[in-house]
Amino acid sequence: MFLGGNLGEQIVLISDKAFDYAVNSCNLRLKDFMNMFLQSGISSRYAEGSPKYIEGMTGVELAHKVIENVIDDFDFSPAGIEYECSPEYWVGWILAAYQWHKGYDLKKINEYLPVDTRLSTIVNFLKMYYLI
């Protein structure tokens, strides 16, 4: 499914911050957060464009929801104010944009290009696709 315009942009903005927060504030490994995202079932509803997950929460709130669905008693860290975008932020941004543009399931994308692959490899591969 491809949704352009504001909805597509909103989806990208939420997911990039969710990945960034999970890794850099909650100290989760990128691979672990991706697995939680897939295991929680939220990734399917997110891919369908569920208003609850697309418009109803921030990236930090999305990360909280994902983690809460998988880990019962997690000690969340406060979200910091970031002035630069982390590599994890860009991985989330690129994965969301690629998913929405191509209409692929996030599970399938993760099978072919696991998030624990070097970040630079993911970014370079998806930049090639977008010709950025």
N, C-alpha and C. Protein backbone atom coordinates (compact mmCIF):
# COMPACT_ATOMS: atom_id res chain seq x y z
N MET A 1 0.84 -1.17 0.00
CA MET A 1 0.00 0.00 0.00
C MET A 1 0.89 1.23 0.00
N PHE A 2 0.61 2.18 -0.87
CA PHE A 2 1.36 3.43 -0.89
C PHE A 2 0.43 4.57 -0.59
N LEU A 3 0.75 5.32 0.42
CA LEU A 3 -0.01 6.52 0.74
C LEU A 3 0.95 7.68 0.69
N GLY A 4 0.74 8.55 -0.24
CA GLY A 4 1.61 9.71 -0.38
C GLY A 4 1.11 10.86 0.46
N GLY A 5 1.73 11.99 0.27
CA GLY A 5 1.25 13.20 0.93
C GLY A 5 1.44 13.18 2.43
N ASN A 6 0.52 13.85 3.11
CA ASN A 6 0.67 14.05 4.54
C ASN A 6 0.64 12.76 5.35
N LEU A 7 -0.24 11.80 4.98
CA LEU A 7 -0.30 10.57 5.76
C LEU A 7 1.01 9.80 5.66
N GLY A 8 1.53 9.66 4.45
CA GLY A 8 2.80 8.98 4.28
C GLY A 8 3.91 9.65 5.05
N GLU A 9 3.94 10.98 5.04
CA GLU A 9 4.96 11.73 5.78
C GLU A 9 4.78 11.54 7.28
N GLN A 10 3.53 11.52 7.76
CA GLN A 10 3.26 11.34 9.19
C GLN A 10 3.75 9.97 9.66
N ILE A 11 3.51 8.94 8.85
CA ILE A 11 3.94 7.59 9.20
C ILE A 11 5.45 7.55 9.36
N VAL A 12 6.14 8.17 8.45
CA VAL A 12 7.60 8.20 8.50
C VAL A 12 8.08 8.94 9.74
N LEU A 13 7.47 10.07 10.06
CA LEU A 13 7.91 10.86 11.21
C LEU A 13 7.70 10.13 12.53
N ILE A 14 6.65 9.34 12.64
CA ILE A 14 6.40 8.60 13.87
C ILE A 14 7.39 7.46 14.04
N SER A 15 7.59 6.68 12.99
CA SER A 15 8.43 5.49 13.12
C SER A 15 9.90 5.85 13.34
N ASP A 16 10.39 6.90 12.70
CA ASP A 16 11.80 7.22 12.87
C ASP A 16 12.10 7.58 14.32
N LYS A 17 11.23 8.34 14.95
CA LYS A 17 11.44 8.70 16.36
C LYS A 17 11.27 7.50 17.27
N ALA A 18 10.37 6.57 16.92
CA ALA A 18 10.19 5.36 17.74
C ALA A 18 11.48 4.55 17.78
N PHE A 19 12.11 4.35 16.63
CA PHE A 19 13.36 3.59 16.57
C PHE A 19 14.46 4.32 17.33
N ASP A 20 14.57 5.61 17.13
CA ASP A 20 15.59 6.43 17.79
C ASP A 20 15.43 6.35 19.31
N TYR A 21 14.21 6.55 19.79
CA TYR A 21 13.95 6.53 21.23
C TYR A 21 14.24 5.16 21.84
N ALA A 22 13.79 4.10 21.18
CA ALA A 22 13.99 2.75 21.72
C ALA A 22 15.48 2.43 21.89
N VAL A 23 16.27 2.84 20.91
CA VAL A 23 17.70 2.52 20.95
C VAL A 23 18.47 3.49 21.84
N ASN A 24 18.27 4.77 21.64
CA ASN A 24 19.13 5.77 22.30
C ASN A 24 18.64 6.24 23.66
N SER A 25 17.37 6.08 23.96
CA SER A 25 16.89 6.46 25.30
C SER A 25 16.62 5.24 26.18
N CYS A 26 16.09 4.16 25.58
CA CYS A 26 15.76 2.96 26.35
C CYS A 26 16.87 1.91 26.32
N ASN A 27 17.92 2.17 25.57
CA ASN A 27 19.08 1.28 25.49
C ASN A 27 18.75 -0.12 24.98
N LEU A 28 17.78 -0.21 24.08
CA LEU A 28 17.48 -1.49 23.43
C LEU A 28 18.33 -1.61 22.18
N ARG A 29 18.64 -2.83 21.79
CA ARG A 29 19.32 -3.03 20.52
C ARG A 29 18.30 -2.84 19.40
N LEU A 30 18.76 -2.32 18.29
CA LEU A 30 17.87 -2.06 17.15
C LEU A 30 17.15 -3.34 16.73
N LYS A 31 17.88 -4.43 16.67
CA LYS A 31 17.30 -5.72 16.29
C LYS A 31 16.21 -6.13 17.27
N ASP A 32 16.44 -5.94 18.56
CA ASP A 32 15.45 -6.31 19.57
C ASP A 32 14.18 -5.48 19.44
N PHE A 33 14.34 -4.18 19.21
CA PHE A 33 13.15 -3.34 19.06
C PHE A 33 12.37 -3.73 17.81
N MET A 34 13.07 -4.02 16.72
CA MET A 34 12.38 -4.45 15.50
C MET A 34 11.60 -5.73 15.75
N ASN A 35 12.22 -6.68 16.45
CA ASN A 35 11.51 -7.93 16.77
C ASN A 35 10.29 -7.67 17.66
N MET A 36 10.41 -6.77 18.61
CA MET A 36 9.27 -6.40 19.45
C MET A 36 8.16 -5.78 18.61
N PHE A 37 8.55 -4.91 17.70
CA PHE A 37 7.59 -4.24 16.82
C PHE A 37 6.81 -5.27 16.00
N LEU A 38 7.52 -6.26 15.47
CA LEU A 38 6.89 -7.30 14.68
C LEU A 38 6.05 -8.23 15.56
N GLN A 39 6.59 -8.61 16.72
CA GLN A 39 5.92 -9.54 17.63
C GLN A 39 4.66 -8.93 18.25
N SER A 40 4.67 -7.64 18.50
CA SER A 40 3.55 -6.99 19.18
C SER A 40 2.28 -6.96 18.36
N GLY A 41 2.40 -7.10 17.05
CA GLY A 41 1.23 -6.99 16.18
C GLY A 41 0.95 -5.56 15.77
N ILE A 42 1.61 -4.62 16.40
CA ILE A 42 1.40 -3.21 16.09
C ILE A 42 1.91 -2.89 14.69
N SER A 43 2.96 -3.59 14.25
CA SER A 43 3.50 -3.30 12.92
C SER A 43 2.46 -3.54 11.83
N SER A 44 1.61 -4.55 12.01
CA SER A 44 0.56 -4.82 11.02
C SER A 44 -0.47 -3.70 10.99
N ARG A 45 -0.88 -3.26 12.17
CA ARG A 45 -1.88 -2.18 12.23
C ARG A 45 -1.28 -0.86 11.74
N TYR A 46 -0.01 -0.68 12.01
CA TYR A 46 0.72 0.50 11.54
C TYR A 46 0.78 0.49 10.02
N ALA A 47 1.10 -0.68 9.45
CA ALA A 47 1.19 -0.81 7.99
C ALA A 47 -0.15 -0.59 7.30
N GLU A 48 -1.24 -0.93 8.00
CA GLU A 48 -2.58 -0.73 7.45
C GLU A 48 -3.02 0.73 7.54
N GLY A 49 -2.27 1.53 8.27
CA GLY A 49 -2.61 2.95 8.41
C GLY A 49 -3.63 3.21 9.50
N SER A 50 -3.64 2.37 10.53
CA SER A 50 -4.59 2.56 11.64
C SER A 50 -4.42 3.95 12.25
N PRO A 51 -5.49 4.74 12.29
CA PRO A 51 -5.40 6.10 12.84
C PRO A 51 -4.85 6.14 14.26
N LYS A 52 -5.12 5.11 15.04
CA LYS A 52 -4.63 5.07 16.42
C LYS A 52 -3.11 5.16 16.46
N TYR A 53 -2.46 4.47 15.52
CA TYR A 53 -0.99 4.43 15.53
C TYR A 53 -0.36 5.47 14.62
N ILE A 54 -1.09 5.94 13.64
CA ILE A 54 -0.54 6.91 12.69
C ILE A 54 -0.72 8.34 13.16
N GLU A 55 -1.90 8.66 13.59
CA GLU A 55 -2.20 10.04 14.00
C GLU A 55 -2.39 10.20 15.50
N GLY A 56 -2.60 9.08 16.20
CA GLY A 56 -2.99 9.16 17.60
C GLY A 56 -1.87 9.15 18.61
N MET A 57 -0.64 9.02 18.16
CA MET A 57 0.46 9.00 19.13
C MET A 57 1.77 9.46 18.49
N THR A 58 2.67 9.86 19.33
CA THR A 58 4.00 10.26 18.88
C THR A 58 4.87 9.03 18.70
N GLY A 59 6.06 9.23 18.18
CA GLY A 59 7.00 8.13 18.03
C GLY A 59 7.40 7.53 19.38
N VAL A 60 7.57 8.37 20.38
CA VAL A 60 7.91 7.88 21.72
C VAL A 60 6.76 7.05 22.27
N GLU A 61 5.53 7.53 22.09
CA GLU A 61 4.36 6.78 22.56
C GLU A 61 4.23 5.46 21.80
N LEU A 62 4.53 5.46 20.52
CA LEU A 62 4.51 4.22 19.74
C LEU A 62 5.53 3.23 20.29
N ALA A 63 6.73 3.70 20.57
CA ALA A 63 7.77 2.83 21.14
C ALA A 63 7.30 2.27 22.49
N HIS A 64 6.70 3.10 23.33
CA HIS A 64 6.18 2.64 24.62
C HIS A 64 5.17 1.52 24.42
N LYS A 65 4.24 1.73 23.50
CA LYS A 65 3.18 0.75 23.23
C LYS A 65 3.78 -0.57 22.76
N VAL A 66 4.74 -0.50 21.86
CA VAL A 66 5.39 -1.70 21.34
C VAL A 66 6.07 -2.46 22.48
N ILE A 67 6.86 -1.75 23.27
CA ILE A 67 7.62 -2.38 24.36
C ILE A 67 6.67 -2.95 25.40
N GLU A 68 5.62 -2.20 25.77
CA GLU A 68 4.65 -2.67 26.77
C GLU A 68 3.93 -3.94 26.32
N ASN A 69 3.74 -4.10 25.02
CA ASN A 69 3.08 -5.29 24.51
C ASN A 69 3.95 -6.54 24.62
N VAL A 70 5.24 -6.36 24.79
CA VAL A 70 6.16 -7.49 24.80
C VAL A 70 6.80 -7.69 26.18
N ILE A 71 7.10 -6.61 26.87
CA ILE A 71 7.76 -6.69 28.18
C ILE A 71 6.81 -6.10 29.23
N ASP A 72 6.49 -6.91 30.24
CA ASP A 72 5.52 -6.47 31.25
C ASP A 72 5.99 -5.31 32.10
N ASP A 73 7.20 -5.39 32.61
CA ASP A 73 7.68 -4.38 33.56
C ASP A 73 8.97 -3.75 33.04
N PHE A 74 8.83 -2.80 32.14
CA PHE A 74 10.01 -2.17 31.54
C PHE A 74 10.19 -0.79 32.16
N ASP A 75 11.43 -0.45 32.49
CA ASP A 75 11.75 0.84 33.08
C ASP A 75 12.06 1.84 31.96
N PHE A 76 11.06 2.64 31.58
CA PHE A 76 11.22 3.58 30.48
C PHE A 76 12.06 4.78 30.89
N SER A 77 12.89 5.22 29.98
CA SER A 77 13.68 6.43 30.17
C SER A 77 12.93 7.60 29.59
N PRO A 78 13.14 8.78 30.15
CA PRO A 78 12.50 9.96 29.55
C PRO A 78 13.09 10.24 28.17
N ALA A 79 12.26 10.75 27.30
CA ALA A 79 12.73 11.11 25.96
C ALA A 79 13.55 12.38 26.06
N GLY A 80 14.71 12.36 25.44
CA GLY A 80 15.56 13.54 25.45
C GLY A 80 15.24 14.44 24.26
N ILE A 81 15.73 15.63 24.34
CA ILE A 81 15.59 16.57 23.22
C ILE A 81 16.80 16.37 22.32
N GLU A 82 16.53 16.04 21.10
CA GLU A 82 17.61 15.77 20.15
C GLU A 82 17.70 16.90 19.13
N TYR A 83 18.91 17.29 18.84
CA TYR A 83 19.13 18.34 17.84
C TYR A 83 19.71 17.77 16.55
N GLU A 84 20.13 16.51 16.61
CA GLU A 84 20.63 15.83 15.42
C GLU A 84 19.92 14.50 15.31
N CYS A 85 19.84 13.97 14.12
CA CYS A 85 19.18 12.69 13.89
C CYS A 85 20.20 11.57 13.98
N SER A 86 19.87 10.57 14.79
CA SER A 86 20.76 9.42 14.97
C SER A 86 20.65 8.48 13.77
N PRO A 87 21.60 7.57 13.63
CA PRO A 87 21.48 6.56 12.56
C PRO A 87 20.20 5.74 12.70
N GLU A 88 19.79 5.44 13.94
CA GLU A 88 18.57 4.67 14.16
C GLU A 88 17.33 5.44 13.72
N TYR A 89 17.38 6.74 13.89
CA TYR A 89 16.30 7.60 13.40
C TYR A 89 16.16 7.43 11.89
N TRP A 90 17.30 7.46 11.18
CA TRP A 90 17.27 7.35 9.73
C TRP A 90 16.86 5.96 9.27
N VAL A 91 17.25 4.93 10.02
CA VAL A 91 16.79 3.58 9.69
C VAL A 91 15.27 3.51 9.78
N GLY A 92 14.70 4.03 10.86
CA GLY A 92 13.24 4.05 11.00
C GLY A 92 12.58 4.85 9.89
N TRP A 93 13.16 5.98 9.56
CA TRP A 93 12.61 6.84 8.51
C TRP A 93 12.61 6.12 7.17
N ILE A 94 13.77 5.53 6.83
CA ILE A 94 13.91 4.88 5.53
C ILE A 94 13.03 3.63 5.45
N LEU A 95 13.00 2.83 6.52
CA LEU A 95 12.16 1.63 6.49
C LEU A 95 10.68 1.99 6.32
N ALA A 96 10.22 3.00 7.03
CA ALA A 96 8.81 3.40 6.91
C ALA A 96 8.51 3.92 5.51
N ALA A 97 9.40 4.75 5.00
CA ALA A 97 9.18 5.30 3.65
C ALA A 97 9.19 4.19 2.61
N TYR A 98 10.12 3.26 2.74
CA TYR A 98 10.23 2.15 1.79
C TYR A 98 8.99 1.26 1.88
N GLN A 99 8.56 0.96 3.11
CA GLN A 99 7.38 0.11 3.30
C GLN A 99 6.15 0.74 2.67
N TRP A 100 5.96 2.02 2.91
CA TRP A 100 4.76 2.68 2.39
C TRP A 100 4.84 2.88 0.88
N HIS A 101 6.02 3.10 0.38
CA HIS A 101 6.15 3.31 -1.07
C HIS A 101 5.96 2.01 -1.85
N LYS A 102 6.58 0.93 -1.36
CA LYS A 102 6.53 -0.35 -2.06
C LYS A 102 5.35 -1.21 -1.66
N GLY A 103 4.80 -0.99 -0.47
CA GLY A 103 3.68 -1.80 0.00
C GLY A 103 4.09 -3.16 0.54
N TYR A 104 5.37 -3.33 0.86
CA TYR A 104 5.85 -4.60 1.41
C TYR A 104 5.57 -4.68 2.90
N ASP A 105 5.38 -5.88 3.38
CA ASP A 105 5.22 -6.12 4.81
C ASP A 105 6.58 -5.90 5.49
N LEU A 106 6.57 -5.29 6.65
CA LEU A 106 7.80 -5.00 7.38
C LEU A 106 8.56 -6.29 7.72
N LYS A 107 7.82 -7.37 7.98
CA LYS A 107 8.45 -8.66 8.25
C LYS A 107 9.29 -9.12 7.06
N LYS A 108 8.75 -8.96 5.87
CA LYS A 108 9.45 -9.38 4.66
C LYS A 108 10.69 -8.51 4.43
N ILE A 109 10.55 -7.20 4.65
CA ILE A 109 11.70 -6.31 4.52
C ILE A 109 12.79 -6.73 5.50
N ASN A 110 12.41 -7.03 6.72
CA ASN A 110 13.37 -7.41 7.75
C ASN A 110 14.03 -8.76 7.44
N GLU A 111 13.33 -9.66 6.74
CA GLU A 111 13.93 -10.93 6.34
C GLU A 111 15.07 -10.71 5.35
N TYR A 112 14.86 -9.82 4.39
CA TYR A 112 15.85 -9.58 3.35
C TYR A 112 16.93 -8.59 3.76
N LEU A 113 16.58 -7.68 4.63
CA LEU A 113 17.53 -6.66 5.07
C LEU A 113 17.34 -6.45 6.57
N PRO A 114 17.85 -7.39 7.39
CA PRO A 114 17.65 -7.31 8.84
C PRO A 114 18.23 -6.01 9.41
N VAL A 115 17.55 -5.47 10.41
CA VAL A 115 18.01 -4.21 10.98
C VAL A 115 19.34 -4.34 11.71
N ASP A 116 19.76 -5.55 12.02
CA ASP A 116 21.07 -5.68 12.67
C ASP A 116 22.21 -5.70 11.66
N THR A 117 21.88 -5.59 10.37
CA THR A 117 22.89 -5.37 9.34
C THR A 117 23.51 -4.01 9.65
N ARG A 118 24.74 -3.82 9.28
CA ARG A 118 25.36 -2.51 9.55
C ARG A 118 24.44 -1.39 9.08
N LEU A 119 24.26 -0.41 9.90
CA LEU A 119 23.36 0.71 9.58
C LEU A 119 23.73 1.35 8.25
N SER A 120 25.02 1.49 8.00
CA SER A 120 25.43 2.14 6.76
C SER A 120 24.99 1.33 5.54
N THR A 121 24.97 0.00 5.67
CA THR A 121 24.53 -0.86 4.57
C THR A 121 23.05 -0.64 4.29
N ILE A 122 22.25 -0.58 5.35
CA ILE A 122 20.81 -0.34 5.18
C ILE A 122 20.57 1.01 4.53
N VAL A 123 21.20 2.02 5.07
CA VAL A 123 21.01 3.37 4.55
C VAL A 123 21.44 3.44 3.09
N ASN A 124 22.60 2.88 2.75
CA ASN A 124 23.08 2.92 1.37
C ASN A 124 22.18 2.14 0.42
N PHE A 125 21.71 0.97 0.85
CA PHE A 125 20.82 0.17 0.01
C PHE A 125 19.53 0.94 -0.29
N LEU A 126 18.94 1.50 0.74
CA LEU A 126 17.67 2.18 0.52
C LEU A 126 17.85 3.53 -0.16
N LYS A 127 19.00 4.16 0.03
CA LYS A 127 19.28 5.39 -0.72
C LYS A 127 19.36 5.09 -2.22
N MET A 128 19.95 3.94 -2.55
CA MET A 128 20.02 3.55 -3.96
C MET A 128 18.61 3.43 -4.53
N TYR A 129 17.73 2.85 -3.75
CA TYR A 129 16.37 2.68 -4.22
C TYR A 129 15.72 4.04 -4.49
N TYR A 130 15.93 4.95 -3.56
CA TYR A 130 15.32 6.27 -3.69
C TYR A 130 16.14 7.22 -4.55
N LEU A 131 17.36 6.80 -4.88
CA LEU A 131 18.29 7.64 -5.65
C LEU A 131 18.48 9.00 -4.97
N ILE A 132 18.69 8.92 -3.65
CA ILE A 132 18.88 10.14 -2.86
C ILE A 132 20.31 10.60 -3.04
